[in-house]
Amino acid sequence: MTTALPKFSNLQPNPHWAKLPLFNRKNWARVRFEHVVDRIYEVIK
């Protein structure tokens, strides 16, 4: 069975998502990438 995806013109934003704490970025701070990661060259499998 194949499910057709909706057309992009029919997509609507979900206003309830904006109320989730996940999207509350009020107290977030910008940090440099290298201050967040330890080793960018290491591959973890």
N, C-alpha and C. Protein backbone atom coordinates (compact mmCIF):
# COMPACT_ATOMS: atom_id res chain seq x y z
N MET A 1 0.84 -1.16 0.00
CA MET A 1 0.00 0.00 0.00
C MET A 1 0.90 1.24 0.00
N THR A 2 0.55 2.21 -0.80
CA THR A 2 1.31 3.45 -0.91
C THR A 2 0.48 4.60 -0.35
N THR A 3 1.11 5.39 0.46
CA THR A 3 0.43 6.56 1.01
C THR A 3 0.99 7.80 0.34
N ALA A 4 0.15 8.58 -0.27
CA ALA A 4 0.58 9.79 -0.95
C ALA A 4 0.83 10.89 0.09
N LEU A 5 1.91 11.62 -0.09
CA LEU A 5 2.22 12.73 0.79
C LEU A 5 1.39 13.95 0.38
N PRO A 6 1.04 14.81 1.35
CA PRO A 6 0.27 16.00 0.99
C PRO A 6 1.12 16.96 0.16
N LYS A 7 0.46 17.74 -0.67
CA LYS A 7 1.17 18.74 -1.46
C LYS A 7 1.67 19.84 -0.53
N PHE A 8 2.81 20.43 -0.87
CA PHE A 8 3.38 21.48 -0.03
C PHE A 8 2.43 22.67 0.11
N SER A 9 1.65 22.93 -0.90
CA SER A 9 0.72 24.06 -0.83
C SER A 9 -0.40 23.82 0.18
N ASN A 10 -0.64 22.56 0.53
CA ASN A 10 -1.70 22.22 1.48
C ASN A 10 -1.20 22.14 2.93
N LEU A 11 0.09 22.22 3.14
CA LEU A 11 0.63 22.11 4.49
C LEU A 11 0.37 23.38 5.29
N GLN A 12 0.03 23.19 6.55
CA GLN A 12 -0.25 24.31 7.45
C GLN A 12 0.62 24.18 8.69
N PRO A 13 1.09 25.30 9.25
CA PRO A 13 1.86 25.21 10.48
C PRO A 13 0.97 24.77 11.64
N ASN A 14 1.56 24.07 12.58
CA ASN A 14 0.81 23.63 13.75
C ASN A 14 1.04 24.64 14.87
N PRO A 15 0.04 25.45 15.23
CA PRO A 15 0.24 26.49 16.25
C PRO A 15 0.51 25.92 17.63
N HIS A 16 0.14 24.68 17.88
CA HIS A 16 0.37 24.07 19.19
C HIS A 16 1.84 23.76 19.42
N TRP A 17 2.61 23.53 18.36
CA TRP A 17 4.04 23.23 18.52
C TRP A 17 4.79 24.41 19.10
N ALA A 18 4.37 25.61 18.80
CA ALA A 18 5.06 26.80 19.30
C ALA A 18 4.95 26.91 20.82
N LYS A 19 3.98 26.26 21.42
CA LYS A 19 3.79 26.32 22.87
C LYS A 19 4.61 25.28 23.62
N LEU A 20 5.23 24.35 22.91
CA LEU A 20 6.03 23.32 23.57
C LEU A 20 7.30 23.92 24.15
N PRO A 21 7.75 23.46 25.31
CA PRO A 21 8.98 23.98 25.92
C PRO A 21 10.21 23.78 25.03
N LEU A 22 10.17 22.78 24.18
CA LEU A 22 11.29 22.50 23.29
C LEU A 22 11.63 23.71 22.42
N PHE A 23 10.63 24.50 22.05
CA PHE A 23 10.86 25.62 21.15
C PHE A 23 11.02 26.95 21.88
N ASN A 24 11.02 26.92 23.19
CA ASN A 24 11.22 28.14 23.97
C ASN A 24 12.72 28.39 24.07
N ARG A 25 13.24 29.25 23.24
CA ARG A 25 14.68 29.52 23.18
C ARG A 25 15.05 30.83 23.84
N LYS A 26 14.18 31.32 24.70
CA LYS A 26 14.36 32.63 25.32
C LYS A 26 15.69 32.76 26.06
N ASN A 27 16.08 31.74 26.80
CA ASN A 27 17.31 31.81 27.60
C ASN A 27 18.48 31.08 26.98
N TRP A 28 18.40 30.74 25.70
CA TRP A 28 19.49 30.05 25.04
C TRP A 28 20.63 31.03 24.75
N ALA A 29 21.84 30.49 24.72
CA ALA A 29 23.01 31.30 24.38
C ALA A 29 23.69 30.68 23.17
N ARG A 30 24.25 31.50 22.33
CA ARG A 30 25.00 31.00 21.17
C ARG A 30 26.38 30.60 21.63
N VAL A 31 26.83 29.43 21.17
CA VAL A 31 28.16 28.96 21.49
C VAL A 31 28.85 28.51 20.22
N ARG A 32 30.14 28.51 20.24
CA ARG A 32 30.90 28.04 19.08
C ARG A 32 30.87 26.52 19.04
N PHE A 33 30.88 25.96 17.86
CA PHE A 33 30.80 24.51 17.68
C PHE A 33 31.93 23.81 18.41
N GLU A 34 33.13 24.33 18.32
CA GLU A 34 34.27 23.67 18.95
C GLU A 34 34.21 23.71 20.49
N HIS A 35 33.35 24.52 21.06
CA HIS A 35 33.17 24.54 22.51
C HIS A 35 32.18 23.48 22.98
N VAL A 36 31.50 22.85 22.03
CA VAL A 36 30.48 21.86 22.36
C VAL A 36 30.99 20.44 22.15
N VAL A 37 31.83 20.23 21.15
CA VAL A 37 32.31 18.89 20.81
C VAL A 37 33.73 18.68 21.31
N ASP A 38 34.06 17.42 21.56
CA ASP A 38 35.41 17.09 22.01
C ASP A 38 36.33 16.78 20.83
N ARG A 39 35.90 15.81 20.02
CA ARG A 39 36.73 15.36 18.89
C ARG A 39 35.88 15.27 17.65
N ILE A 40 36.02 16.19 16.73
CA ILE A 40 35.20 16.14 15.52
C ILE A 40 35.74 15.15 14.50
N TYR A 41 36.94 14.63 14.72
CA TYR A 41 37.54 13.70 13.77
C TYR A 41 37.25 12.25 14.13
N GLU A 42 36.72 11.99 15.32
CA GLU A 42 36.45 10.63 15.77
C GLU A 42 35.12 10.15 15.24
N VAL A 43 35.10 8.92 14.69
CA VAL A 43 33.87 8.32 14.19
C VAL A 43 33.37 7.32 15.22
N ILE A 44 32.14 7.46 15.65
CA ILE A 44 31.55 6.56 16.62
C ILE A 44 30.56 5.67 15.90
N LYS A 45 30.72 4.37 16.06
CA LYS A 45 29.82 3.42 15.37
C LYS A 45 28.96 2.72 16.37
